[in-house]
Amino acid sequence: MNILHRGGDREITLFLKYAEVRTILLMRTVRYLASIGKSVSEALNLGWLNLKFRAQALRLEAEYHLAGC
């Protein structure tokens, strides 16, 4: 099913490594959370985000805010 949903995705291709796909999806999550006024920490506390992605999500959130977004 994931392949069907990602068929039109321009960022994620069939040949990307799983780590790159995870980074893209987590960055999208960080952008979405920022758009609704939430942080990664809040999402983790609410159970919206799996704890195994905590470190990478927090790092991406810091990069996102440093970029001025």
Protein backbone atom coordinates (compact mmCIF):
# COMPACT_ATOMS: atom_id res chain seq x y z
CA MET A 1 0.00 0.00 0.00
CA ASN A 2 2.82 2.43 0.80
CA ILE A 3 4.16 2.05 -2.71
CA LEU A 4 0.76 2.97 -4.15
CA HIS A 5 0.51 6.05 -1.92
CA ARG A 6 4.03 7.16 -2.81
CA GLY A 7 3.61 6.67 -6.58
CA GLY A 8 3.24 10.38 -7.25
CA ASP A 9 5.79 11.52 -4.68
CA ARG A 10 8.59 13.48 -6.32
CA GLU A 11 10.93 13.36 -3.32
CA ILE A 12 10.73 9.66 -2.53
CA THR A 13 11.80 7.30 -5.26
CA LEU A 14 12.01 3.54 -5.37
CA PHE A 15 15.80 3.64 -5.17
CA LEU A 16 16.20 5.72 -1.98
CA LYS A 17 17.62 4.04 1.09
CA TYR A 18 15.27 3.62 4.03
CA ALA A 19 17.21 6.15 6.11
CA GLU A 20 16.72 8.83 3.46
CA VAL A 21 12.99 8.05 3.22
CA ARG A 22 12.70 8.24 7.02
CA THR A 23 14.45 11.63 7.01
CA ILE A 24 12.09 12.99 4.35
CA LEU A 25 9.01 11.74 6.20
CA LEU A 26 10.23 13.07 9.56
CA MET A 27 10.97 16.47 8.02
CA ARG A 28 7.43 16.56 6.66
CA THR A 29 6.20 15.72 10.16
CA VAL A 30 8.28 18.53 11.67
CA ARG A 31 6.88 21.02 9.13
CA TYR A 32 3.32 19.86 9.82
CA LEU A 33 3.76 20.11 13.58
CA ALA A 34 5.14 23.64 13.20
CA SER A 35 2.17 24.59 11.03
CA ILE A 36 -0.28 23.54 13.77
CA GLY A 37 1.77 25.21 16.50
CA LYS A 38 3.16 22.05 18.09
CA SER A 39 6.71 20.92 18.73
CA VAL A 40 8.27 17.49 18.39
CA SER A 41 8.47 17.28 22.19
CA GLU A 42 4.74 17.90 22.47
CA ALA A 43 4.03 15.31 19.78
CA LEU A 44 6.17 12.77 21.65
CA ASN A 45 4.38 13.49 24.93
CA LEU A 46 0.98 13.16 23.26
CA GLY A 47 1.99 9.85 21.69
CA TRP A 48 1.71 11.19 18.14
CA LEU A 49 5.28 10.24 17.30
CA ASN A 50 7.08 6.99 18.01
CA LEU A 51 9.84 7.37 20.58
CA LYS A 52 12.37 5.54 18.42
CA PHE A 53 12.38 8.58 16.10
CA ARG A 54 12.90 11.04 18.97
CA ALA A 55 16.56 11.96 18.44
CA GLN A 56 16.33 12.35 14.68
CA ALA A 57 13.05 14.30 14.87
CA LEU A 58 14.44 16.69 17.47
CA ARG A 59 17.57 17.24 15.37
CA LEU A 60 15.47 17.93 12.25
CA GLU A 61 13.27 20.33 14.21
CA ALA A 62 16.34 22.28 15.34
CA GLU A 63 17.61 22.46 11.76
CA TYR A 64 14.18 23.55 10.55
CA HIS A 65 14.02 26.42 13.02
CA LEU A 66 17.64 27.44 12.36
CA ALA A 67 16.76 27.72 8.68
CA GLY A 68 14.27 30.41 9.66
CA CYS A 69 11.13 28.52 8.81
